[in-house]
Each structure stands twice: as C-alpha cells, then as structure tokens.
C-alpha cells in the first residue's frame, strides 16, 4: 500500500508557495445545434461553448483527496474549476456540419492569481486569530510613546482583514506567543513559544493564528532627536524633509496552523518614514496624530500590504474545522453559517494524533482517513454532516479535523 495521499504539513507549505498570473492567447472551438433555422442563436451558444473551452485550456485544475493505490485510481471530492477571464475575443472561423454550427475563436486569457497547486483557493470563510506583536527592543517605543503598538497592531490588522472576503479575524492582541523573541525565527520557534501557543489553540478556536515580533523602531540617526545644541536643533526642525529624520519600522510575521501548531509561513516587513515629532511628544501608535505624519503614513501603507499578503496566503490554504461531536454516522463541526458551507459539500476527514518527540515536546500529526463528510444541516454556530459508515468503525472522535482543499 502506498503511504497516505498527502503529508499534511508538506502540503500546507506547498500551498503557501508564491502565486502566479499571466496572459496568453488561445484558440478554442465550440458547437451548437441549430434549432428552427436560428443561426444567430446557435452562433451565440457556440461562442459560449468555445469560451468555456478556452477557459478550461488555460486554467483548469482537478483536485482530489484520494490517490492511486495498487494501480486503481480512487477519487473522492473531485472538483473542476476555471481561473481565467477572456478578453479581445474574435471569431476565427465558422463551419456548418449538418444541423450543427462550429465556431472557432481566438481570445486572450488573463488568469486570476492561482495557488501553487493550480487552485484559485476555496470560497469558504476561514477563521484567523491575530495575537500580540511584542517589541524586541522595548526602549525604542519610548520615542513617541508607542508602547501600545504591541497589542494595537492586532487591532489594525483585524479591522483590515474583516473587510476581505472569506476571512473572519479575531482580535487576540492581549495574547503573546513568543517569550524568547530572538529565537522566533522563520524555520523553528523556540520550544517554549510553540508549547505556549499550543495551549491556546483550543481556546482561540481558529483555523490559523497570526503572530509576530517588532524588530526595529529606531531612528536612522538618533542624534537628530537628542541634539542639545540649540542652533543645530533649530536647523533640524526647519529641515524636516531631510533623511536625517527617517525612522525604521520592521517586523517579522508568522502564520501557524491553529489545529497542529505548525509554523506555516514567515515573512519580514520593513519601511521607513520621517519622524518629525519632538522627543517629548506622546503621540501613541495608530492615533490620528500618528497616521497624519510621514512615518505613520508609511506604516499605514505597510499594514495594508501585510493584510493583502495575509488574505492571499489564507485563500490558498484549505478550509478546516474541528469535529466537536460524533454519533453513529453523524458528525458535528465548529463551523456555522458564516463559513460559507452548503448542504451537499464534501469535506475530507483527518485523524488528529499527538506524539512526543525525543525532547518530550508534543507534536501533532493529521492523517487522512480517506473518509468524506457530507454536509446535511447548517446552524448559526455548528454544521452537521454524515459519513457512509459508523464513526466508531473508523475511530473518528471529537478534535479530529475536516478539511476542504
């Protein structure tokens, strides 16, 4: 027997790979039956058929939660979708074959941004918790009294993400996951931080957890603020557009899987802007005064960019939810009307297992059971579905996971 169709963690990382978009020219042929000698109507139908064929040529994908085993193709949850838009359509040729009209078109294809597996991402609403962004150098926040930045970045990101389609963001800015900030690296967090985050996974009930560390809020030239010479200080104030007033803003951002604690993605962001406030001004982070300045405007744009990047990354990730209850062949999951699920949707079931590594730290593994939950009922805060056998036969239990790729 071959091993399971996908290793969960490896698949997640692949899905977070860079996206792509392109434009190309394709030709496709469509056909339609002529009814009552209505050539015009047949032409419209044939063109529509040709446009669909052109879209499929450029950006079709087939995804499945199953695999080939012992030479037999076992497919479940197969889905076909297009990810393209047509423009500059022209009819190249028309031919009549009996009662059928064949039309060949040429068109430009502008594909939508796609994920690494060719998928355009699912439309289900994903829950995400934004935690605190602690300061690596807390004294840097004294300038402008920006200490509230640690929790307020979560507030800023949540307000932006909740305007994006397919995302439900939760403000967890009072929760700090990283205790040793210097070791919160892109490949492996310190064991304490990962363990701490795992303890809050069930509490947050989110599919994904976003956290980060603020690395730098320093002035490029600290002497500009601390200048004691009155004449030089006056000159610096008048010369407010000079690069000597530039202040840094740098942070690292992490995306974790909320069910396993796995670090899925890390990215660094940095910008600069002129800080024209005095050393004693208590501006505060994200206040109207803060955003009115050049530095605040650059930070605001960076927060917009971070939100867009998060939205793109989450779109390429599978929808997942925790099983909360099982009974006979029925299952309930912690998703509701806001999730976007509909009756008849099919979700793959993953068994959640926890084992301890050589350092005695817990590690979570999600194993594809190759079972499918079919959605039956959707309530405000829960979704009920069924499988085609008893859950006890397959040891499906609460805290196992359903997933839609």
Protein backbone atom coordinates (compact mmCIF):
# COMPACT_ATOMS: atom_id res chain seq x y z
CA UNK A 1 0.00 0.00 0.00
CA UNK A 2 1.20 3.45 -0.80
CA UNK A 3 1.52 5.93 2.03
CA UNK A 4 -1.23 8.49 2.63
CA UNK A 5 -2.10 10.81 -0.21
CA UNK A 6 -0.57 13.92 1.30
CA UNK A 7 1.62 14.68 4.21
CA UNK A 8 -0.34 17.46 5.89
CA UNK A 9 2.50 19.78 6.80
CA UNK A 10 4.30 19.40 3.48
CA UNK A 11 1.08 20.10 1.58
CA UNK A 12 0.36 23.23 3.60
CA UNK A 13 3.82 24.63 2.85
CA UNK A 14 3.41 23.91 -0.86
CA UNK A 15 0.08 25.70 -0.88
CA UNK A 16 1.78 28.79 0.57
CA UNK A 17 4.28 28.98 -2.30
CA UNK A 18 4.32 32.08 -4.45
CA UNK A 19 1.35 32.68 -6.71
CA UNK A 20 1.35 33.48 -10.37
CA UNK A 21 -0.71 35.27 -13.01
CA UNK A 22 -0.22 35.54 -16.74
CA UNK A 23 -1.86 36.48 -20.01
CA UNK A 24 -1.75 34.31 -23.11
CA UNK A 25 -3.63 33.80 -26.38
CA UNK A 26 -5.58 30.61 -27.02
CA UNK A 27 -7.90 29.23 -29.68
CA UNK A 28 -10.88 27.02 -28.97
CA UNK A 29 -13.85 25.58 -30.83
CA UNK A 30 -17.45 25.48 -29.70
CA UNK A 31 -20.53 23.98 -31.24
CA UNK A 32 -24.29 24.30 -31.01
CA UNK A 33 -27.33 22.69 -32.60
CA UNK A 34 -29.32 24.89 -35.00
CA UNK A 35 -32.97 24.91 -33.99
CA UNK A 36 -35.69 26.30 -36.28
CA UNK A 37 -33.01 27.62 -38.63
CA UNK A 38 -31.99 30.19 -36.00
CA UNK A 39 -28.35 30.68 -36.95
CA UNK A 40 -27.91 33.72 -34.72
CA UNK A 41 -28.96 31.87 -31.58
CA UNK A 42 -26.81 28.87 -32.50
CA UNK A 43 -23.83 31.19 -33.03
CA UNK A 44 -24.23 32.68 -29.54
CA UNK A 45 -24.41 29.22 -27.99
CA UNK A 46 -21.40 28.01 -29.96
CA UNK A 47 -19.35 31.06 -28.93
CA UNK A 48 -20.30 30.50 -25.29
CA UNK A 49 -19.19 26.88 -25.61
CA UNK A 50 -15.91 27.97 -27.21
CA UNK A 51 -15.27 30.49 -24.42
CA UNK A 52 -15.74 27.78 -21.82
CA UNK A 53 -13.32 25.51 -23.67
CA UNK A 54 -10.77 28.34 -23.86
CA UNK A 55 -11.00 28.94 -20.13
CA UNK A 56 -10.54 25.26 -19.39
CA UNK A 57 -7.47 25.12 -21.63
CA UNK A 58 -5.79 27.93 -19.74
CA UNK A 59 -6.58 27.31 -16.13
CA UNK A 60 -8.42 24.12 -15.34
CA UNK A 61 -7.48 22.07 -12.38
CA UNK A 62 -8.60 18.83 -10.86
CA UNK A 63 -8.05 18.28 -7.18
CA UNK A 64 -8.76 15.21 -5.13
CA UNK A 65 -8.30 14.00 -1.60
CA UNK A 66 -7.61 10.45 -2.77
CA UNK A 67 -4.81 8.62 -4.52
CA UNK A 68 -3.77 5.78 -6.77
CA UNK A 69 -3.43 2.53 -4.85
CA UNK A 70 -2.42 -0.78 -6.36
CA UNK A 71 -2.93 0.66 -9.82
CA UNK A 72 -6.52 1.74 -9.10
CA UNK A 73 -7.50 5.39 -9.20
CA UNK A 74 -9.57 6.18 -6.14
CA UNK A 75 -11.07 9.66 -6.40
CA UNK A 76 -13.14 11.50 -3.84
CA UNK A 77 -14.16 15.17 -3.71
CA UNK A 78 -13.03 15.74 -7.29
CA UNK A 79 -13.55 19.34 -8.34
CA UNK A 80 -13.01 21.13 -11.64
CA UNK A 81 -12.83 24.91 -11.82
CA UNK A 82 -11.54 27.63 -14.06
CA UNK A 83 -9.45 30.60 -13.02
CA UNK A 84 -9.41 32.86 -16.00
CA UNK A 85 -11.04 35.79 -17.77
CA UNK A 86 -11.34 36.21 -21.53
CA UNK A 87 -10.71 39.42 -23.42
CA UNK A 88 -10.28 40.52 -27.05
CA UNK A 89 -12.42 37.65 -28.33
CA UNK A 90 -12.60 37.27 -32.12
CA UNK A 91 -14.30 34.69 -34.31
CA UNK A 92 -11.69 32.99 -36.47
CA UNK A 93 -13.86 30.53 -38.36
CA UNK A 94 -17.44 29.29 -38.71
CA UNK A 95 -18.38 25.94 -40.23
CA UNK A 96 -21.70 24.21 -40.70
CA UNK A 97 -21.86 20.43 -40.29
CA UNK A 98 -25.41 19.31 -40.91
CA UNK A 99 -27.53 20.84 -38.14
CA UNK A 100 -24.51 21.85 -36.04
CA UNK A 101 -22.64 25.13 -36.18
CA UNK A 102 -18.94 25.03 -35.24
CA UNK A 103 -17.27 28.29 -34.24
CA UNK A 104 -13.54 28.72 -33.62
CA UNK A 105 -12.49 31.74 -31.54
CA UNK A 106 -9.23 33.37 -30.53
CA UNK A 107 -9.01 35.12 -27.19
CA UNK A 108 -6.59 36.49 -24.65
CA UNK A 109 -6.60 34.74 -21.31
CA UNK A 110 -5.87 36.67 -18.12
CA UNK A 111 -5.65 34.09 -15.38
CA UNK A 112 -6.51 35.02 -11.87
CA UNK A 113 -3.86 34.62 -9.25
CA UNK A 114 -3.54 30.91 -8.57
CA UNK A 115 -2.04 28.87 -5.80
CA UNK A 116 0.91 26.53 -6.18
CA UNK A 117 -1.35 23.55 -6.89
CA UNK A 118 -3.24 25.43 -9.62
CA UNK A 119 -6.19 26.03 -7.33
CA UNK A 120 -7.68 29.52 -7.10
CA UNK A 121 -8.50 28.92 -3.45
CA UNK A 122 -11.83 27.98 -1.94
CA UNK A 123 -14.53 30.47 -1.04
CA UNK A 124 -15.18 29.20 2.49
CA UNK A 125 -14.70 31.67 5.33
CA UNK A 126 -11.52 30.98 7.29
CA UNK A 127 -11.14 32.00 10.93
CA UNK A 128 -7.89 33.66 11.97
CA UNK A 129 -6.71 34.94 15.36
CA UNK A 130 -4.25 37.86 15.43
CA UNK A 131 -2.12 37.87 18.57
CA UNK A 132 0.26 40.46 20.04
CA UNK A 133 3.44 41.68 18.33
CA UNK A 134 5.93 42.11 21.19
CA UNK A 135 8.82 44.57 20.89
CA UNK A 136 12.30 43.09 20.67
CA UNK A 137 13.74 46.43 21.86
CA UNK A 138 11.11 47.98 24.11
CA UNK A 139 13.07 51.19 24.79
CA UNK A 140 12.68 52.15 21.12
CA UNK A 141 8.95 52.61 21.72
CA UNK A 142 9.60 55.37 24.25
CA UNK A 143 10.08 57.84 21.43
CA UNK A 144 6.53 58.94 20.67
CA UNK A 145 5.10 56.74 23.45
CA UNK A 146 4.37 53.85 21.06
CA UNK A 147 4.28 51.08 23.69
CA UNK A 148 0.64 50.31 22.78
CA UNK A 149 1.90 49.05 19.43
CA UNK A 150 2.30 45.51 20.83
CA UNK A 151 -1.44 44.91 21.10
CA UNK A 152 -2.68 47.56 18.69
CA UNK A 153 -1.15 46.01 15.59
CA UNK A 154 -3.63 43.15 16.05
CA UNK A 155 -6.46 45.69 16.15
CA UNK A 156 -5.23 47.32 12.95
CA UNK A 157 -4.86 44.03 11.07
CA UNK A 158 -8.20 42.67 12.27
CA UNK A 159 -10.08 45.74 11.05
CA UNK A 160 -8.49 45.37 7.61
CA UNK A 161 -8.84 41.60 7.29
CA UNK A 162 -12.52 41.61 8.23
CA UNK A 163 -13.23 43.65 5.10
CA UNK A 164 -11.63 40.94 2.92
CA UNK A 165 -13.85 38.18 1.51
CA UNK A 166 -13.52 34.73 3.05
CA UNK A 167 -11.88 35.81 6.33
CA UNK A 168 -13.19 36.10 9.88
CA UNK A 169 -10.50 37.73 12.03
CA UNK A 170 -10.42 37.61 15.82
CA UNK A 171 -8.50 40.14 17.92
CA UNK A 172 -6.24 38.28 20.35
CA UNK A 173 -3.87 41.21 20.86
CA UNK A 174 -3.69 40.52 24.60
CA UNK A 175 -2.06 37.13 23.94
CA UNK A 176 1.71 36.97 23.41
CA UNK A 177 3.06 33.70 21.99
CA UNK A 178 6.76 34.46 21.83
CA UNK A 179 8.67 34.51 25.09
CA UNK A 180 12.21 34.49 23.67
CA UNK A 181 12.00 36.97 20.84
CA UNK A 182 15.46 36.41 19.44
CA UNK A 183 14.71 32.76 18.64
CA UNK A 184 11.36 33.37 16.93
CA UNK A 185 12.91 32.56 13.56
CA UNK A 186 11.40 31.57 10.25
CA UNK A 187 12.13 27.84 10.48
CA UNK A 188 11.76 26.86 14.06
CA UNK A 189 10.37 28.64 17.06
CA UNK A 190 11.86 28.07 20.45
CA UNK A 191 10.18 25.13 22.15
CA UNK A 192 8.64 27.23 24.88
CA UNK A 193 6.87 29.54 22.44
CA UNK A 194 5.44 26.68 20.41
CA UNK A 195 4.24 24.91 23.54
CA UNK A 196 2.62 28.10 24.82
CA UNK A 197 0.79 28.60 21.55
CA UNK A 198 -0.49 25.02 21.56
CA UNK A 199 -2.04 25.64 24.97
CA UNK A 200 -4.19 28.41 23.47
CA UNK A 201 -5.20 26.57 20.30
CA UNK A 202 -8.45 25.18 21.68
CA UNK A 203 -9.23 28.46 23.43
CA UNK A 204 -8.96 30.51 20.24
CA UNK A 205 -10.92 28.03 18.09
CA UNK A 206 -9.31 29.50 14.97
CA UNK A 207 -8.07 27.74 11.88
CA UNK A 208 -4.98 29.94 11.73
CA UNK A 209 -3.03 32.01 14.23
CA UNK A 210 -1.02 35.05 13.17
CA UNK A 211 1.67 36.44 15.44
CA UNK A 212 4.85 38.42 15.08
CA UNK A 213 7.74 40.32 16.59
CA UNK A 214 8.50 44.02 16.13
CA UNK A 215 12.22 44.10 15.36
CA UNK A 216 13.05 47.78 14.93
CA UNK A 217 11.53 51.20 15.68
CA UNK A 218 14.83 53.07 15.86
CA UNK A 219 15.83 56.37 14.29
CA UNK A 220 18.33 56.15 11.47
CA UNK A 221 20.22 58.97 13.10
CA UNK A 222 19.47 59.03 16.86
CA UNK A 223 21.37 62.30 17.27
CA UNK A 224 18.66 64.12 15.31
CA UNK A 225 16.26 63.71 18.24
CA UNK A 226 18.83 64.04 21.03
CA UNK A 227 20.57 67.12 19.66
CA UNK A 228 21.38 69.53 22.55
CA UNK A 229 22.79 72.39 20.50
CA UNK A 230 20.00 74.93 20.09
CA UNK A 231 21.14 76.16 16.70
CA UNK A 232 21.59 72.67 15.27
CA UNK A 233 18.26 71.56 16.76
CA UNK A 234 16.51 74.55 15.19
CA UNK A 235 18.09 73.74 11.85
CA UNK A 236 17.00 70.11 12.11
CA UNK A 237 13.44 71.22 12.85
CA UNK A 238 13.35 73.51 9.82
CA UNK A 239 14.96 70.82 7.68
CA UNK A 240 12.08 68.42 8.43
CA UNK A 241 12.19 66.75 4.99
CA UNK A 242 15.77 65.60 5.45
CA UNK A 243 16.66 61.90 5.56
CA UNK A 244 18.17 62.53 8.99
CA UNK A 245 14.58 62.33 10.33
CA UNK A 246 13.97 58.81 8.97
CA UNK A 247 12.70 56.25 11.47
CA UNK A 248 12.62 52.49 10.90
CA UNK A 249 9.67 50.14 11.20
CA UNK A 250 10.43 46.43 10.93
CA UNK A 251 8.60 43.28 11.99
CA UNK A 252 8.53 39.54 11.42
CA UNK A 253 5.15 37.90 10.89
CA UNK A 254 4.27 34.23 11.47
CA UNK A 255 1.30 32.15 10.34
CA UNK A 256 0.58 29.00 12.38
CA UNK A 257 -1.92 26.25 11.82
CA UNK A 258 -4.42 26.53 14.65
CA UNK A 259 -5.05 22.80 14.96
CA UNK A 260 -1.50 21.46 14.92
CA UNK A 261 0.67 24.43 15.96
CA UNK A 262 2.80 24.05 12.84
CA UNK A 263 4.59 27.15 11.58
CA UNK A 264 3.30 27.56 8.02
CA UNK A 265 4.86 30.80 6.83
CA UNK A 266 7.09 33.63 7.99
CA UNK A 267 7.77 36.93 6.30
CA UNK A 268 9.67 40.09 7.22
CA UNK A 269 8.34 43.57 6.53
CA UNK A 270 10.17 46.87 6.75
CA UNK A 271 9.62 50.51 5.88
CA UNK A 272 10.85 53.99 6.80
CA UNK A 273 9.32 57.40 7.23
CA UNK A 274 10.24 60.82 8.56
CA UNK A 275 9.61 61.27 12.28
CA UNK A 276 9.07 64.98 12.81
CA UNK A 277 7.79 64.94 16.38
CA UNK A 278 9.84 66.11 19.31
CA UNK A 279 11.44 63.79 21.82
CA UNK A 280 8.77 64.58 24.44
CA UNK A 281 5.66 64.26 22.22
CA UNK A 282 3.40 61.41 23.39
CA UNK A 283 1.94 60.54 20.01
CA UNK A 284 0.87 56.94 20.62
CA UNK A 285 0.59 54.23 17.97
CA UNK A 286 -2.27 54.33 15.43
CA UNK A 287 -3.64 57.64 16.74
CA UNK A 288 -4.84 60.32 14.28
CA UNK A 289 -1.69 62.30 15.07
CA UNK A 290 0.46 59.23 14.37
CA UNK A 291 -1.14 58.49 10.99
CA UNK A 292 -1.04 62.15 9.93
CA UNK A 293 2.76 62.17 9.90
CA UNK A 294 5.04 60.85 7.17
CA UNK A 295 6.21 57.96 9.36
CA UNK A 296 2.65 56.99 10.25
CA UNK A 297 1.56 57.09 6.61
CA UNK A 298 4.34 54.68 5.62
CA UNK A 299 3.42 52.37 8.50
CA UNK A 300 -0.23 52.51 7.49
CA UNK A 301 0.65 51.51 3.93
CA UNK A 302 2.76 48.65 5.24
CA UNK A 303 -0.15 47.41 7.36
CA UNK A 304 -2.31 47.49 4.24
CA UNK A 305 0.31 45.42 2.39
CA UNK A 306 0.52 42.91 5.25
CA UNK A 307 -3.26 42.50 5.23
CA UNK A 308 -3.28 41.89 1.48
CA UNK A 309 -0.50 39.30 1.79
CA UNK A 310 -2.34 37.52 4.60
CA UNK A 311 -5.52 37.45 2.55
CA UNK A 312 -3.69 35.90 -0.40
CA UNK A 313 -1.95 33.31 1.76
CA UNK A 314 -5.14 32.28 3.56
CA UNK A 315 -7.00 31.98 0.28
CA UNK A 316 -4.58 29.29 -0.83
CA UNK A 317 -4.92 27.31 2.39
CA UNK A 318 -7.57 24.62 2.88
CA UNK A 319 -10.70 25.31 4.86
CA UNK A 320 -10.65 23.27 8.05
CA UNK A 321 -12.79 22.84 11.13
CA UNK A 322 -12.71 20.77 14.32
CA UNK A 323 -15.08 17.87 14.91
CA UNK A 324 -16.95 18.60 18.13
CA UNK A 325 -19.26 15.58 18.38
CA UNK A 326 -19.90 12.19 16.78
CA UNK A 327 -22.93 9.92 16.97
CA UNK A 328 -23.44 6.79 14.84
CA UNK A 329 -22.66 8.02 11.31
CA UNK A 330 -23.20 11.72 12.11
CA UNK A 331 -20.61 14.39 12.85
CA UNK A 332 -20.78 17.98 14.04
CA UNK A 333 -18.05 20.56 13.37
CA UNK A 334 -17.31 24.01 14.82
CA UNK A 335 -18.41 25.97 11.78
CA UNK A 336 -21.65 27.80 11.08
CA UNK A 337 -23.49 29.90 8.54
CA UNK A 338 -20.61 32.35 8.27
CA UNK A 339 -18.33 29.56 7.00
CA UNK A 340 -19.95 29.56 3.56
CA UNK A 341 -20.64 25.81 3.64
CA UNK A 342 -23.74 24.49 1.87
CA UNK A 343 -25.72 21.28 2.01
CA UNK A 344 -24.03 18.60 -0.06
CA UNK A 345 -20.50 19.96 0.35
CA UNK A 346 -17.90 17.25 0.90
CA UNK A 347 -15.14 17.54 3.48
CA UNK A 348 -12.23 15.16 3.95
CA UNK A 349 -11.71 13.80 7.46
CA UNK A 350 -8.28 13.80 9.11
CA UNK A 351 -7.50 11.96 12.31
CA UNK A 352 -5.57 14.08 14.79
CA UNK A 353 -2.84 12.28 16.72
CA UNK A 354 -0.35 13.70 19.20
CA UNK A 355 3.00 12.12 19.93
CA UNK A 356 6.09 13.30 21.80
CA UNK A 357 9.46 13.81 20.19
CA UNK A 358 12.84 12.99 21.73
CA UNK A 359 12.73 16.23 23.70
CA UNK A 360 9.32 15.29 25.15
CA UNK A 361 7.54 18.11 23.35
CA UNK A 362 4.14 17.34 21.78
CA UNK A 363 3.90 17.08 18.01
CA UNK A 364 0.62 16.88 16.12
CA UNK A 365 0.07 14.80 13.01
CA UNK A 366 -3.05 14.84 10.84
CA UNK A 367 -3.67 11.58 8.99
CA UNK A 368 -6.01 11.41 6.02
CA UNK A 369 -8.66 8.79 6.85
CA UNK A 370 -9.88 8.82 3.23
CA UNK A 371 -13.39 9.31 4.59
CA UNK A 372 -15.74 12.04 3.41
CA UNK A 373 -18.21 14.02 5.47
CA UNK A 374 -21.23 15.22 3.51
CA UNK A 375 -22.85 18.36 4.90
CA UNK A 376 -26.52 17.92 5.87
CA UNK A 377 -27.51 20.82 8.13
CA UNK A 378 -26.08 24.27 8.78
CA UNK A 379 -26.86 26.09 12.02
CA UNK A 380 -25.59 29.52 13.16
CA UNK A 381 -22.63 28.06 15.08
CA UNK A 382 -22.42 24.41 14.03
CA UNK A 383 -22.61 22.21 10.95
CA UNK A 384 -23.90 18.64 10.90
CA UNK A 385 -22.93 16.02 8.36
CA UNK A 386 -22.63 12.29 7.87
CA UNK A 387 -20.33 9.60 6.55
CA UNK A 388 -21.38 6.38 4.86
CA UNK A 389 -20.45 4.20 7.83
CA UNK A 390 -20.30 4.38 11.60
CA UNK A 391 -17.78 6.80 13.07
CA UNK A 392 -16.79 4.19 15.68
CA UNK A 393 -15.68 1.83 12.93
CA UNK A 394 -13.01 4.33 11.92
CA UNK A 395 -12.28 5.76 15.37
CA UNK A 396 -13.42 9.25 14.38
CA UNK A 397 -13.55 11.35 17.52
CA UNK A 398 -14.01 14.95 18.69
CA UNK A 399 -10.91 17.08 17.96
CA UNK A 400 -10.34 15.29 14.66
CA UNK A 401 -10.38 17.63 11.66
CA UNK A 402 -12.40 18.06 8.48
CA UNK A 403 -10.80 19.79 5.55
CA UNK A 404 -11.67 21.13 2.11
CA UNK A 405 -8.80 21.68 -0.31
